[in-house]
Amino acid sequence: METISSGFHLADGNGYMLDKGYAATCRLNLQFYLWKDSLTFNLHPSIPIPHTQPSSPLRIADLACGTGIWLLDLARELPEPAVLDGFDIDLSKAPPGQWLPDNVTVYHWDILSPVPEHLVGRYDIVHLRLLILVVEHSDPVPIIQNAYRMLKPGGYIQWDDLNYPDTHVIKKNAGTDTPAFDRLLHFVRSNGRHDWVLGLPGILERNGFTGARLDHFRDRMDLAMANGDQHLMTMEEFAGSLQRKGMLEEARNIHQLIADCCREASQGVALSMPRRDPTQASNVVHPSEVSDQNKAKDTSQAPAFGAPEPKQPPLKPPSLTRARS
């Protein structure tokens, strides 16, 4: 039986383990701005933005787009024309389609299900962020293979995620005892569950990508409390999901851990979680078949690829053609 000492292994086999309400939406939007402050970009500056024509616009996909805020912020930065598509298994946190810019569309799709044929080879850039809880059993390969299939030859993938192995406790006073944060640190490291993040360049290159790089970013100290509080909000959502799934003892233990951490945080203590940003180009040829192993989510209640959120006035769906040249 899994216990709190198992850390985020408690998420394995349970699908999305964070909340879907207004507070979770606010947390995700706050998280975006904290990430942008650390990274200072939406698209990595090493990714070239090609000169495009209206007949062949730049196409970018954001997988697990959440509230859609990354796409919305990026839309203000990119030159026209550009087509920005978001994909998520749950669109309840994203704005209605009628409220989105004309070049931003969100679609219902489980990124662990097979890529619909009309999306194969469609995108110049595929972006992913914070899938560390979605990746089960330390195996990001099914997601990487799907991203690869969606890219045009020579396209780019950008995956932004946390570096839990190098996460550490920071203190205003070095001599402060932090038993609660020490327990939290053990929890988030999860006995190596997330160590695959540091090996992403190699994993990507073994799955068809070339030129992989891994960039390291640390939070500014003046935002340590903001980042730490945001992470405690994430832990609170995780505990709530455990409770709803009947894992009552584990949920109680995490809630108690959060309360203990809040007391220590008031003394000038926080958890510092570095970020990792691997960015790389794909090779020239897409594989004809990509295996879809280790599916972690049941999509029997939803189509593999849903219709876009409607615009106002209604628009015809874009012509989705396969680009393999």
C-alpha atoms as a PDB file:
ATOM      1  CA  MET A   1       0.000   0.000   0.000  1.00  0.00           C
ATOM      2  CA  GLU A   2       1.237   3.485  -0.897  1.00  0.00           C
ATOM      3  CA  THR A   3       1.899   5.836   2.024  1.00  0.00           C
ATOM      4  CA  ILE A   4       2.849   9.499   2.289  1.00  0.00           C
ATOM      5  CA  SER A   5       6.496   8.429   2.210  1.00  0.00           C
ATOM      6  CA  SER A   6       5.858   7.330  -1.384  1.00  0.00           C
ATOM      7  CA  GLY A   7       5.529  10.984  -2.374  1.00  0.00           C
ATOM      8  CA  PHE A   8       4.072  11.648  -5.795  1.00  0.00           C
ATOM      9  CA  HIS A   9       4.060   7.923  -6.554  1.00  0.00           C
ATOM     10  CA  LEU A  10       0.586   8.242  -5.030  1.00  0.00           C
ATOM     11  CA  ALA A  11      -0.450   9.819  -8.350  1.00  0.00           C
ATOM     12  CA  ASP A  12       0.412   6.772 -10.455  1.00  0.00           C
ATOM     13  CA  GLY A  13      -2.657   5.188 -11.994  1.00  0.00           C
ATOM     14  CA  ASN A  14      -4.976   7.927 -10.738  1.00  0.00           C
ATOM     15  CA  GLY A  15      -5.097  10.345 -13.675  1.00  0.00           C
ATOM     16  CA  TYR A  16      -4.958  14.102 -13.114  1.00  0.00           C
ATOM     17  CA  MET A  17      -4.444  14.626  -9.384  1.00  0.00           C
ATOM     18  CA  LEU A  18      -4.910  18.384  -9.037  1.00  0.00           C
ATOM     19  CA  ASP A  19      -8.086  20.460  -8.782  1.00  0.00           C
ATOM     20  CA  LYS A  20     -10.285  21.888 -11.536  1.00  0.00           C
ATOM     21  CA  GLY A  21     -12.077  24.754  -9.772  1.00  0.00           C
ATOM     22  CA  TYR A  22     -11.565  28.501  -9.746  1.00  0.00           C
ATOM     23  CA  ALA A  23      -8.831  28.370  -7.095  1.00  0.00           C
ATOM     24  CA  ALA A  24      -6.853  25.861  -9.170  1.00  0.00           C
ATOM     25  CA  THR A  25      -7.277  28.064 -12.241  1.00  0.00           C
ATOM     26  CA  CYS A  26      -5.934  31.052 -10.305  1.00  0.00           C
ATOM     27  CA  ARG A  27      -2.993  28.955  -9.093  1.00  0.00           C
ATOM     28  CA  LEU A  28      -2.153  27.894 -12.650  1.00  0.00           C
ATOM     29  CA  ASN A  29      -2.217  31.489 -13.872  1.00  0.00           C
ATOM     30  CA  LEU A  30      -0.030  32.612 -10.947  1.00  0.00           C
ATOM     31  CA  GLN A  31       2.304  29.717 -11.719  1.00  0.00           C
ATOM     32  CA  PHE A  32       2.626  30.885 -15.326  1.00  0.00           C
ATOM     33  CA  TYR A  33       3.770  34.366 -14.320  1.00  0.00           C
ATOM     34  CA  LEU A  34       6.242  32.981 -11.787  1.00  0.00           C
ATOM     35  CA  TRP A  35       7.659  30.710 -14.474  1.00  0.00           C
ATOM     36  CA  LYS A  36       7.921  33.541 -16.969  1.00  0.00           C
ATOM     37  CA  ASP A  37       9.764  35.613 -14.369  1.00  0.00           C
ATOM     38  CA  SER A  38      12.298  32.795 -13.951  1.00  0.00           C
ATOM     39  CA  LEU A  39      12.695  31.882 -17.627  1.00  0.00           C
ATOM     40  CA  THR A  40      12.199  35.414 -19.049  1.00  0.00           C
ATOM     41  CA  PHE A  41      10.667  33.946 -22.234  1.00  0.00           C
ATOM     42  CA  ASN A  42       7.745  31.947 -23.566  1.00  0.00           C
ATOM     43  CA  LEU A  43       9.595  30.421 -26.502  1.00  0.00           C
ATOM     44  CA  HIS A  44      13.258  29.633 -25.960  1.00  0.00           C
ATOM     45  CA  PRO A  45      15.368  32.209 -27.842  1.00  0.00           C
ATOM     46  CA  SER A  46      17.304  29.422 -29.575  1.00  0.00           C
ATOM     47  CA  ILE A  47      14.168  28.377 -31.485  1.00  0.00           C
ATOM     48  CA  PRO A  48      14.090  30.197 -34.830  1.00  0.00           C
ATOM     49  CA  ILE A  49      10.805  31.808 -35.824  1.00  0.00           C
ATOM     50  CA  PRO A  50      10.512  31.277 -39.583  1.00  0.00           C
ATOM     51  CA  HIS A  51       9.235  33.917 -41.959  1.00  0.00           C
ATOM     52  CA  THR A  52       5.803  32.710 -42.989  1.00  0.00           C
ATOM     53  CA  GLN A  53       3.057  33.618 -45.412  1.00  0.00           C
ATOM     54  CA  PRO A  54      -0.692  33.721 -44.711  1.00  0.00           C
ATOM     55  CA  SER A  55      -1.068  30.599 -46.834  1.00  0.00           C
ATOM     56  CA  SER A  56       1.468  28.740 -44.664  1.00  0.00           C
ATOM     57  CA  PRO A  57       1.414  30.218 -41.140  1.00  0.00           C
ATOM     58  CA  LEU A  58       3.623  29.304 -38.209  1.00  0.00           C
ATOM     59  CA  ARG A  59       1.839  26.578 -36.233  1.00  0.00           C
ATOM     60  CA  ILE A  60       2.463  25.982 -32.533  1.00  0.00           C
ATOM     61  CA  ALA A  61       0.842  23.358 -30.296  1.00  0.00           C
ATOM     62  CA  ASP A  62       0.703  23.557 -26.499  1.00  0.00           C
ATOM     63  CA  LEU A  63       0.080  20.113 -25.002  1.00  0.00           C
ATOM     64  CA  ALA A  64      -1.744  20.002 -21.660  1.00  0.00           C
ATOM     65  CA  CYS A  65      -2.519  23.700 -22.120  1.00  0.00           C
ATOM     66  CA  GLY A  66      -4.516  24.103 -18.883  1.00  0.00           C
ATOM     67  CA  THR A  67      -5.901  27.642 -18.709  1.00  0.00           C
ATOM     68  CA  GLY A  68      -4.408  28.497 -22.108  1.00  0.00           C
ATOM     69  CA  ILE A  69      -2.452  31.366 -20.615  1.00  0.00           C
ATOM     70  CA  TRP A  70       0.863  30.402 -22.248  1.00  0.00           C
ATOM     71  CA  LEU A  71      -0.784  30.506 -25.683  1.00  0.00           C
ATOM     72  CA  LEU A  72      -2.534  33.794 -24.950  1.00  0.00           C
ATOM     73  CA  ASP A  73       0.661  35.460 -23.782  1.00  0.00           C
ATOM     74  CA  LEU A  74       2.616  34.054 -26.721  1.00  0.00           C
ATOM     75  CA  ALA A  75      -0.032  35.276 -29.181  1.00  0.00           C
ATOM     76  CA  ARG A  76       0.786  38.856 -28.187  1.00  0.00           C
ATOM     77  CA  GLU A  77       4.485  38.323 -28.931  1.00  0.00           C
ATOM     78  CA  LEU A  78       4.444  36.535 -32.272  1.00  0.00           C
ATOM     79  CA  PRO A  79       4.301  38.214 -35.659  1.00  0.00           C
ATOM     80  CA  GLU A  80       1.309  37.485 -37.832  1.00  0.00           C
ATOM     81  CA  PRO A  81       0.395  35.046 -39.164  1.00  0.00           C
ATOM     82  CA  ALA A  82       0.583  32.343 -36.505  1.00  0.00           C
ATOM     83  CA  VAL A  83      -1.821  29.569 -35.542  1.00  0.00           C
ATOM     84  CA  LEU A  84      -1.745  28.560 -31.874  1.00  0.00           C
ATOM     85  CA  ASP A  85      -3.541  25.376 -30.805  1.00  0.00           C
ATOM     86  CA  GLY A  86      -3.937  24.128 -27.249  1.00  0.00           C
ATOM     87  CA  PHE A  87      -4.781  20.562 -26.258  1.00  0.00           C
ATOM     88  CA  ASP A  88      -5.995  19.276 -22.917  1.00  0.00           C
ATOM     89  CA  ILE A  89      -8.062  16.447 -21.490  1.00  0.00           C
ATOM     90  CA  ASP A  90     -10.092  19.061 -19.570  1.00  0.00           C
ATOM     91  CA  LEU A  91     -10.952  22.448 -21.067  1.00  0.00           C
ATOM     92  CA  SER A  92     -12.947  23.701 -18.081  1.00  0.00           C
ATOM     93  CA  LYS A  93     -10.008  25.880 -16.970  1.00  0.00           C
ATOM     94  CA  ALA A  94      -9.561  27.540 -20.384  1.00  0.00           C
ATOM     95  CA  PRO A  95     -11.605  30.532 -21.574  1.00  0.00           C
ATOM     96  CA  PRO A  96     -14.611  29.809 -23.805  1.00  0.00           C
ATOM     97  CA  GLY A  97     -13.716  29.697 -27.470  1.00  0.00           C
ATOM     98  CA  GLN A  98     -15.722  32.870 -28.090  1.00  0.00           C
ATOM     99  CA  TRP A  99     -13.340  34.791 -25.801  1.00  0.00           C
ATOM    100  CA  LEU A 100     -10.117  33.645 -27.467  1.00  0.00           C
ATOM    101  CA  PRO A 101      -8.209  35.541 -30.173  1.00  0.00           C
ATOM    102  CA  ASP A 102      -8.996  34.383 -33.701  1.00  0.00           C
ATOM    103  CA  ASN A 103      -5.653  32.591 -34.007  1.00  0.00           C
ATOM    104  CA  VAL A 104      -5.932  30.664 -30.708  1.00  0.00           C
ATOM    105  CA  THR A 105      -8.033  27.493 -30.480  1.00  0.00           C
ATOM    106  CA  VAL A 106      -8.247  24.881 -27.740  1.00  0.00           C
ATOM    107  CA  TYR A 107      -9.130  21.239 -28.367  1.00  0.00           C
ATOM    108  CA  HIS A 108     -10.105  18.342 -26.165  1.00  0.00           C
ATOM    109  CA  TRP A 109      -7.487  15.596 -26.468  1.00  0.00           C
ATOM    110  CA  ASP A 110      -5.709  13.225 -24.099  1.00  0.00           C
ATOM    111  CA  ILE A 111      -2.003  13.509 -24.925  1.00  0.00           C
ATOM    112  CA  LEU A 112      -1.487   9.884 -23.888  1.00  0.00           C
ATOM    113  CA  SER A 113      -3.861   8.671 -26.605  1.00  0.00           C
ATOM    114  CA  PRO A 114      -2.805   8.154 -30.242  1.00  0.00           C
ATOM    115  CA  VAL A 115      -2.235  11.289 -32.317  1.00  0.00           C
ATOM    116  CA  PRO A 116      -5.147  11.862 -34.723  1.00  0.00           C
ATOM    117  CA  GLU A 117      -3.955  11.358 -38.273  1.00  0.00           C
ATOM    118  CA  HIS A 118      -4.817  14.907 -39.348  1.00  0.00           C
ATOM    119  CA  LEU A 119      -2.413  16.288 -36.694  1.00  0.00           C
ATOM    120  CA  VAL A 120       0.603  14.257 -37.823  1.00  0.00           C
ATOM    121  CA  GLY A 121       3.382  16.536 -39.094  1.00  0.00           C
ATOM    122  CA  ARG A 122       1.279  19.670 -38.628  1.00  0.00           C
ATOM    123  CA  TYR A 123       3.297  21.843 -36.210  1.00  0.00           C
ATOM    124  CA  ASP A 124       6.528  23.820 -36.341  1.00  0.00           C
ATOM    125  CA  ILE A 125       6.824  23.873 -32.531  1.00  0.00           C
ATOM    126  CA  VAL A 126       5.330  21.711 -29.787  1.00  0.00           C
ATOM    127  CA  HIS A 127       5.429  23.055 -26.226  1.00  0.00           C
ATOM    128  CA  LEU A 128       4.921  21.160 -22.974  1.00  0.00           C
ATOM    129  CA  ARG A 129       5.161  22.358 -19.396  1.00  0.00           C
ATOM    130  CA  LEU A 130       4.841  20.790 -15.951  1.00  0.00           C
ATOM    131  CA  LEU A 131       3.870  17.271 -16.942  1.00  0.00           C
ATOM    132  CA  ILE A 132       5.894  15.849 -14.095  1.00  0.00           C
ATOM    133  CA  LEU A 133       2.777  14.426 -12.423  1.00  0.00           C
ATOM    134  CA  VAL A 134       1.269  13.263 -15.716  1.00  0.00           C
ATOM    135  CA  VAL A 135       4.340  11.165 -16.552  1.00  0.00           C
ATOM    136  CA  GLU A 136       3.853   7.830 -14.823  1.00  0.00           C
ATOM    137  CA  HIS A 137       6.483   5.313 -13.785  1.00  0.00           C
ATOM    138  CA  SER A 138       9.235   7.779 -14.777  1.00  0.00           C
ATOM    139  CA  ASP A 139       8.575   7.148 -18.473  1.00  0.00           C
ATOM    140  CA  PRO A 140       7.982  10.251 -20.641  1.00  0.00           C
ATOM    141  CA  VAL A 141       8.475   8.314 -23.894  1.00  0.00           C
ATOM    142  CA  PRO A 142       4.767   7.965 -24.849  1.00  0.00           C
ATOM    143  CA  ILE A 143       4.345  11.741 -24.598  1.00  0.00           C
ATOM    144  CA  ILE A 144       7.598  12.414 -26.467  1.00  0.00           C
ATOM    145  CA  GLN A 145       6.569  10.079 -29.284  1.00  0.00           C
ATOM    146  CA  ASN A 146       3.238  11.852 -29.640  1.00  0.00           C
ATOM    147  CA  ALA A 147       4.927  15.254 -29.745  1.00  0.00           C
ATOM    148  CA  TYR A 148       7.331  13.919 -32.376  1.00  0.00           C
ATOM    149  CA  ARG A 149       4.495  12.746 -34.580  1.00  0.00           C
ATOM    150  CA  MET A 150       2.831  16.163 -34.420  1.00  0.00           C
ATOM    151  CA  LEU A 151       5.936  18.025 -35.583  1.00  0.00           C
ATOM    152  CA  LYS A 152       6.890  18.890 -39.114  1.00  0.00           C
ATOM    153  CA  PRO A 153      10.319  17.606 -40.181  1.00  0.00           C
ATOM    154  CA  GLY A 154      12.864  19.912 -38.568  1.00  0.00           C
ATOM    155  CA  GLY A 155      10.359  21.183 -36.021  1.00  0.00           C
ATOM    156  CA  TYR A 156      11.156  21.969 -32.393  1.00  0.00           C
ATOM    157  CA  ILE A 157       9.987  20.693 -29.034  1.00  0.00           C
ATOM    158  CA  GLN A 158      10.256  22.763 -25.850  1.00  0.00           C
ATOM    159  CA  TRP A 159       9.562  20.991 -22.557  1.00  0.00           C
ATOM    160  CA  ASP A 160       9.697  23.099 -19.382  1.00  0.00           C
ATOM    161  CA  ASP A 161       9.605  21.237 -16.085  1.00  0.00           C
ATOM    162  CA  LEU A 162      10.773  21.193 -12.491  1.00  0.00           C
ATOM    163  CA  ASN A 163      14.062  19.763 -11.319  1.00  0.00           C
ATOM    164  CA  TYR A 164      12.954  17.939  -8.199  1.00  0.00           C
ATOM    165  CA  PRO A 165      16.277  16.078  -7.740  1.00  0.00           C
ATOM    166  CA  ASP A 166      18.048  19.416  -7.092  1.00  0.00           C
ATOM    167  CA  THR A 167      15.243  20.946  -5.023  1.00  0.00           C
ATOM    168  CA  HIS A 168      16.417  22.171  -1.631  1.00  0.00           C
ATOM    169  CA  VAL A 169      15.278  24.051   1.456  1.00  0.00           C
ATOM    170  CA  ILE A 170      16.345  27.692   1.766  1.00  0.00           C
ATOM    171  CA  LYS A 171      16.357  29.560   5.093  1.00  0.00           C
ATOM    172  CA  LYS A 172      16.631  33.141   6.244  1.00  0.00           C
ATOM    173  CA  ASN A 173      18.748  31.916   9.162  1.00  0.00           C
ATOM    174  CA  ALA A 174      21.017  28.963   8.494  1.00  0.00           C
ATOM    175  CA  GLY A 175      20.516  27.591  12.003  1.00  0.00           C
ATOM    176  CA  THR A 176      16.720  27.331  11.760  1.00  0.00           C
ATOM    177  CA  ASP A 177      15.403  23.803  12.223  1.00  0.00           C
ATOM    178  CA  THR A 178      13.028  22.808   9.433  1.00  0.00           C
ATOM    179  CA  PRO A 179      11.661  19.316  10.139  1.00  0.00           C
ATOM    180  CA  ALA A 180       8.454  19.954   8.167  1.00  0.00           C
ATOM    181  CA  PHE A 181      10.238  21.266   5.080  1.00  0.00           C
ATOM    182  CA  ASP A 182      12.701  18.397   5.330  1.00  0.00           C
ATOM    183  CA  ARG A 183       9.725  16.012   5.158  1.00  0.00           C
ATOM    184  CA  LEU A 184       8.265  17.991   2.259  1.00  0.00           C
ATOM    185  CA  LEU A 185      11.593  17.794   0.432  1.00  0.00           C
ATOM    186  CA  HIS A 186      11.605  14.014   0.853  1.00  0.00           C
ATOM    187  CA  PHE A 187       8.022  13.900  -0.437  1.00  0.00           C
ATOM    188  CA  VAL A 188       8.610  15.908  -3.620  1.00  0.00           C
ATOM    189  CA  ARG A 189      11.757  13.986  -4.497  1.00  0.00           C
ATOM    190  CA  SER A 190       9.547  10.885  -4.349  1.00  0.00           C
ATOM    191  CA  ASN A 191      12.354   8.345  -4.170  1.00  0.00           C
ATOM    192  CA  GLY A 192      13.631   9.309  -7.619  1.00  0.00           C
ATOM    193  CA  ARG A 193      10.254   9.368  -9.425  1.00  0.00           C
ATOM    194  CA  HIS A 194      11.160  12.590 -11.240  1.00  0.00           C
ATOM    195  CA  ASP A 195      14.847  11.977 -11.955  1.00  0.00           C
ATOM    196  CA  TRP A 196      14.023  11.380 -15.631  1.00  0.00           C
ATOM    197  CA  VAL A 197      13.825  15.167 -16.108  1.00  0.00           C
ATOM    198  CA  LEU A 198      17.619  15.452 -15.926  1.00  0.00           C
ATOM    199  CA  GLY A 199      17.926  12.779 -18.609  1.00  0.00           C
ATOM    200  CA  LEU A 200      15.454  14.339 -21.040  1.00  0.00           C
ATOM    201  CA  PRO A 201      18.035  15.278 -23.708  1.00  0.00           C
ATOM    202  CA  GLY A 202      19.158  11.664 -24.018  1.00  0.00           C
ATOM    203  CA  ILE A 203      15.586  10.369 -23.981  1.00  0.00           C
ATOM    204  CA  LEU A 204      14.627  12.816 -26.714  1.00  0.00           C
ATOM    205  CA  GLU A 205      17.583  11.896 -28.903  1.00  0.00           C
ATOM    206  CA  ARG A 206      16.781   8.197 -28.528  1.00  0.00           C
ATOM    207  CA  ASN A 207      13.316   8.989 -29.840  1.00  0.00           C
ATOM    208  CA  GLY A 208      14.172  10.820 -33.030  1.00  0.00           C
ATOM    209  CA  PHE A 209      15.268  14.311 -31.947  1.00  0.00           C
ATOM    210  CA  THR A 210      18.649  15.915 -32.542  1.00  0.00           C
ATOM    211  CA  GLY A 211      20.579  18.764 -30.937  1.00  0.00           C
ATOM    212  CA  ALA A 212      18.980  18.388 -27.518  1.00  0.00           C
ATOM    213  CA  ARG A 213      20.029  20.867 -24.839  1.00  0.00           C
ATOM    214  CA  LEU A 214      19.129  21.343 -21.195  1.00  0.00           C
ATOM    215  CA  ASP A 215      19.054  24.819 -19.667  1.00  0.00           C
ATOM    216  CA  HIS A 216      18.927  25.455 -15.918  1.00  0.00           C
ATOM    217  CA  PHE A 217      17.030  28.283 -14.238  1.00  0.00           C
ATOM    218  CA  ARG A 218      16.767  29.252 -10.583  1.00  0.00           C
ATOM    219  CA  ASP A 219      14.172  31.431  -8.900  1.00  0.00           C
ATOM    220  CA  ARG A 220      15.026  34.908  -7.737  1.00  0.00           C
ATOM    221  CA  MET A 221      15.358  35.001  -3.967  1.00  0.00           C
ATOM    222  CA  ASP A 222      12.820  37.808  -3.689  1.00  0.00           C
ATOM    223  CA  LEU A 223      10.228  35.451  -5.192  1.00  0.00           C
ATOM    224  CA  ALA A 224      11.166  32.434  -3.073  1.00  0.00           C
ATOM    225  CA  MET A 225       8.135  32.874  -0.825  1.00  0.00           C
ATOM    226  CA  ALA A 226       5.767  33.317  -3.772  1.00  0.00           C
ATOM    227  CA  ASN A 227       7.069  30.153  -5.415  1.00  0.00           C
ATOM    228  CA  GLY A 228       7.023  28.272  -2.120  1.00  0.00           C
ATOM    229  CA  ASP A 229       3.441  29.296  -1.350  1.00  0.00           C
ATOM    230  CA  GLN A 230       2.356  28.322  -4.852  1.00  0.00           C
ATOM    231  CA  HIS A 231       3.862  24.880  -4.334  1.00  0.00           C
ATOM    232  CA  LEU A 232       2.025  24.470  -1.025  1.00  0.00           C
ATOM    233  CA  MET A 233      -1.189  25.274  -2.916  1.00  0.00           C
ATOM    234  CA  THR A 234      -0.325  22.448  -5.314  1.00  0.00           C
ATOM    235  CA  MET A 235       0.225  20.096  -2.389  1.00  0.00           C
ATOM    236  CA  GLU A 236      -3.151  21.103  -0.948  1.00  0.00           C
ATOM    237  CA  GLU A 237      -4.861  20.260  -4.244  1.00  0.00           C
ATOM    238  CA  PHE A 238      -3.028  16.932  -4.352  1.00  0.00           C
ATOM    239  CA  ALA A 239      -4.203  16.091  -0.837  1.00  0.00           C
ATOM    240  CA  GLY A 240      -7.770  16.988  -1.806  1.00  0.00           C
ATOM    241  CA  SER A 241      -7.618  14.594  -4.755  1.00  0.00           C
ATOM    242  CA  LEU A 242      -6.337  11.808  -2.512  1.00  0.00           C
ATOM    243  CA  GLN A 243      -9.215  12.446  -0.133  1.00  0.00           C
ATOM    244  CA  ARG A 244     -11.778  12.257  -2.943  1.00  0.00           C
ATOM    245  CA  LYS A 245     -10.273   8.947  -4.027  1.00  0.00           C
ATOM    246  CA  GLY A 246     -10.701   7.533  -0.522  1.00  0.00           C
ATOM    247  CA  MET A 247      -7.033   7.722   0.479  1.00  0.00           C
ATOM    248  CA  LEU A 248      -8.001   9.458   3.694  1.00  0.00           C
ATOM    249  CA  GLU A 249      -4.957   8.770   5.853  1.00  0.00           C
ATOM    250  CA  GLU A 250      -2.551   9.946   3.165  1.00  0.00           C
ATOM    251  CA  ALA A 251      -4.638  13.095   2.641  1.00  0.00           C
ATOM    252  CA  ARG A 252      -4.697  13.873   6.380  1.00  0.00           C
ATOM    253  CA  ASN A 253      -0.947  13.416   6.621  1.00  0.00           C
ATOM    254  CA  ILE A 254      -0.317  15.798   3.723  1.00  0.00           C
ATOM    255  CA  HIS A 255      -2.695  18.407   5.131  1.00  0.00           C
ATOM    256  CA  GLN A 256      -0.821  18.210   8.438  1.00  0.00           C
ATOM    257  CA  LEU A 257       2.496  18.518   6.611  1.00  0.00           C
ATOM    258  CA  ILE A 258       1.235  21.648   4.840  1.00  0.00           C
ATOM    259  CA  ALA A 259       0.155  23.195   8.151  1.00  0.00           C
ATOM    260  CA  ASP A 260       3.570  22.449   9.666  1.00  0.00           C
ATOM    261  CA  CYS A 261       5.328  23.936   6.628  1.00  0.00           C
ATOM    262  CA  CYS A 262       3.221  27.103   6.859  1.00  0.00           C
ATOM    263  CA  ARG A 263       4.433  27.640  10.424  1.00  0.00           C
ATOM    264  CA  GLU A 264       8.053  27.195   9.374  1.00  0.00           C
ATOM    265  CA  ALA A 265       7.568  29.408   6.292  1.00  0.00           C
ATOM    266  CA  SER A 266       6.594  32.306   8.564  1.00  0.00           C
ATOM    267  CA  GLN A 267      10.157  32.138   9.943  1.00  0.00           C
ATOM    268  CA  GLY A 268      11.712  32.665   6.507  1.00  0.00           C
ATOM    269  CA  VAL A 269      11.841  29.164   5.042  1.00  0.00           C
ATOM    270  CA  ALA A 270      10.915  28.024   1.533  1.00  0.00           C
ATOM    271  CA  LEU A 271      11.440  25.219  -0.932  1.00  0.00           C
ATOM    272  CA  SER A 272      13.551  26.220  -3.936  1.00  0.00           C
ATOM    273  CA  MET A 273      12.768  24.208  -7.069  1.00  0.00           C
ATOM    274  CA  PRO A 274      15.044  24.848 -10.051  1.00  0.00           C
ATOM    275  CA  ARG A 275      13.548  24.689 -13.534  1.00  0.00           C
ATOM    276  CA  ARG A 276      14.811  22.742 -16.512  1.00  0.00           C
ATOM    277  CA  ASP A 277      14.192  23.719 -20.113  1.00  0.00           C
ATOM    278  CA  PRO A 278      15.293  21.234 -22.775  1.00  0.00           C
ATOM    279  CA  THR A 279      14.870  22.554 -26.310  1.00  0.00           C
ATOM    280  CA  GLN A 280      15.814  20.707 -29.479  1.00  0.00           C
ATOM    281  CA  ALA A 281      15.105  20.200 -33.175  1.00  0.00           C
ATOM    282  CA  SER A 282      13.583  17.091 -34.663  1.00  0.00           C
ATOM    283  CA  ASN A 283      15.281  15.088 -37.370  1.00  0.00           C
ATOM    284  CA  VAL A 284      14.301  15.231 -41.006  1.00  0.00           C
ATOM    285  CA  VAL A 285      12.036  12.192 -41.303  1.00  0.00           C
ATOM    286  CA  HIS A 286       9.125  11.151 -39.129  1.00  0.00           C
ATOM    287  CA  PRO A 287       8.769   7.447 -38.311  1.00  0.00           C
ATOM    288  CA  SER A 288       5.876   5.780 -40.090  1.00  0.00           C
ATOM    289  CA  GLU A 289       4.686   4.204 -36.859  1.00  0.00           C
ATOM    290  CA  VAL A 290       5.134   5.292 -33.263  1.00  0.00           C
ATOM    291  CA  SER A 291       4.227   2.880 -30.485  1.00  0.00           C
ATOM    292  CA  ASP A 292       1.768   4.106 -27.875  1.00  0.00           C
ATOM    293  CA  GLN A 293       2.681   2.061 -24.832  1.00  0.00           C
ATOM    294  CA  ASN A 294       1.871   2.525 -21.162  1.00  0.00           C
ATOM    295  CA  LYS A 295      -1.349   4.446 -21.617  1.00  0.00           C
ATOM    296  CA  ALA A 296      -2.243   5.887 -18.265  1.00  0.00           C
ATOM    297  CA  LYS A 297      -5.690   7.311 -18.841  1.00  0.00           C
ATOM    298  CA  ASP A 298      -9.009   5.840 -19.931  1.00  0.00           C
ATOM    299  CA  THR A 299     -10.494   7.849 -22.786  1.00  0.00           C
ATOM    300  CA  SER A 300     -13.575   5.679 -23.234  1.00  0.00           C
ATOM    301  CA  GLN A 301     -15.798   8.539 -22.051  1.00  0.00           C
ATOM    302  CA  ALA A 302     -14.412  11.043 -24.548  1.00  0.00           C
ATOM    303  CA  PRO A 303     -13.265  11.065 -28.172  1.00  0.00           C
ATOM    304  CA  ALA A 304      -9.557  10.789 -28.808  1.00  0.00           C
ATOM    305  CA  PHE A 305      -9.717  14.219 -30.389  1.00  0.00           C
ATOM    306  CA  GLY A 306     -12.508  16.638 -29.606  1.00  0.00           C
ATOM    307  CA  ALA A 307     -13.941  19.520 -31.533  1.00  0.00           C
ATOM    308  CA  PRO A 308     -12.484  22.966 -30.860  1.00  0.00           C
ATOM    309  CA  GLU A 309     -14.156  25.309 -28.447  1.00  0.00           C
ATOM    310  CA  PRO A 310     -16.567  27.372 -30.600  1.00  0.00           C
ATOM    311  CA  LYS A 311     -15.734  30.914 -31.629  1.00  0.00           C
ATOM    312  CA  GLN A 312     -18.296  33.702 -31.930  1.00  0.00           C
ATOM    313  CA  PRO A 313     -19.444  33.957 -34.640  1.00  0.00           C
ATOM    314  CA  PRO A 314     -18.931  30.260 -35.469  1.00  0.00           C
ATOM    315  CA  LEU A 315     -15.978  29.590 -37.739  1.00  0.00           C
ATOM    316  CA  LYS A 316     -15.346  26.665 -40.007  1.00  0.00           C
ATOM    317  CA  PRO A 317     -12.713  24.340 -38.551  1.00  0.00           C
ATOM    318  CA  PRO A 318      -9.293  24.920 -40.076  1.00  0.00           C
ATOM    319  CA  SER A 319      -8.178  22.710 -42.904  1.00  0.00           C
ATOM    320  CA  LEU A 320      -6.046  20.123 -41.153  1.00  0.00           C
ATOM    321  CA  THR A 321      -3.705  18.542 -43.675  1.00  0.00           C
ATOM    322  CA  ARG A 322      -0.835  16.179 -43.255  1.00  0.00           C
ATOM    323  CA  ALA A 323       2.567  17.742 -43.880  1.00  0.00           C
ATOM    324  CA  ARG A 324       5.363  15.222 -44.275  1.00  0.00           C
ATOM    325  CA  SER A 325       7.690  16.771 -46.867  1.00  0.00           C
END
